[in-house]
């Protein structure tokens, strides 16, 4: 059971964890922009039921560890 950094079938993940939904996503910084992306998948059907992306300017004085 390894999920971080891998692409896994949500039906398999849900079965192994015993859950009906899986929330996944990531955070990245691109220059002066911070991008946070997330999605919620229903494990029974393996389909995404919700997804969102947040993209905003971040002052250069902020380090990634403080965000």
Protein backbone atom coordinates (compact mmCIF):
# COMPACT_ATOMS: atom_id res chain seq x y z
CA UNK A 1 0.00 0.00 0.00
CA UNK A 2 1.94 3.04 -1.30
CA UNK A 3 0.22 6.16 -2.59
CA UNK A 4 2.43 9.22 -2.22
CA UNK A 5 3.94 10.15 -5.56
CA UNK A 6 2.10 7.41 -7.43
CA UNK A 7 -0.92 7.28 -9.70
CA UNK A 8 -3.33 4.75 -8.24
CA UNK A 9 -6.81 3.60 -9.15
CA UNK A 10 -9.15 5.25 -6.64
CA UNK A 11 -11.30 2.09 -6.41
CA UNK A 12 -8.25 0.12 -5.25
CA UNK A 13 -7.19 2.84 -2.81
CA UNK A 14 -10.70 3.05 -1.35
CA UNK A 15 -10.91 -0.71 -0.92
CA UNK A 16 -7.47 -0.94 0.76
CA UNK A 17 -8.24 1.94 3.13
CA UNK A 18 -11.89 1.06 3.69
CA UNK A 19 -13.12 4.52 2.66
CA UNK A 20 -15.78 5.85 0.29
CA UNK A 21 -13.91 9.00 -0.76
CA UNK A 22 -10.27 10.00 -1.23
CA UNK A 23 -9.00 13.59 -1.13
CA UNK A 24 -5.77 14.21 -3.04
CA UNK A 25 -3.83 17.21 -4.22
CA UNK A 26 -0.66 19.17 -4.07
CA UNK A 27 0.99 22.52 -3.47
CA UNK A 28 3.61 24.07 -5.71
CA UNK A 29 5.29 27.39 -6.08
CA UNK A 30 6.05 28.85 -9.48
CA UNK A 31 8.00 32.10 -9.28
CA UNK A 32 5.84 34.50 -7.27
CA UNK A 33 2.72 32.30 -7.59
CA UNK A 34 1.43 29.66 -5.16
CA UNK A 35 -0.80 26.99 -6.65
CA UNK A 36 -2.87 24.60 -4.50
CA UNK A 37 -4.87 21.93 -6.33
CA UNK A 38 -7.16 19.31 -4.83
CA UNK A 39 -9.73 16.75 -5.90
CA UNK A 40 -12.22 14.49 -4.17
CA UNK A 41 -12.82 11.09 -5.74
CA UNK A 42 -15.63 8.64 -4.99
CA UNK A 43 -13.88 5.30 -4.61
CA UNK A 44 -16.89 3.13 -5.48
CA UNK A 45 -16.99 4.41 -9.05
CA UNK A 46 -13.46 5.80 -9.23
CA UNK A 47 -14.75 9.18 -10.39
CA UNK A 48 -13.84 12.73 -9.38
CA UNK A 49 -16.83 14.41 -7.70
CA UNK A 50 -15.16 17.73 -6.86
CA UNK A 51 -11.97 19.55 -7.84
CA UNK A 52 -10.59 22.98 -7.12
CA UNK A 53 -7.50 25.06 -7.76
CA UNK A 54 -6.25 28.08 -5.83
CA UNK A 55 -3.68 30.29 -7.54
CA UNK A 56 -2.39 33.47 -5.89
CA UNK A 57 0.58 35.81 -5.83
CA UNK A 58 2.90 35.33 -2.87
CA UNK A 59 5.36 38.00 -1.71
CA UNK A 60 9.02 37.08 -2.25
CA UNK A 61 9.60 37.55 1.50
CA UNK A 62 7.56 34.41 2.23
CA UNK A 63 9.51 31.18 2.25
CA UNK A 64 7.74 27.96 1.12
CA UNK A 65 8.04 26.55 4.64
CA UNK A 66 6.01 29.48 6.03
CA UNK A 67 3.15 29.09 3.54
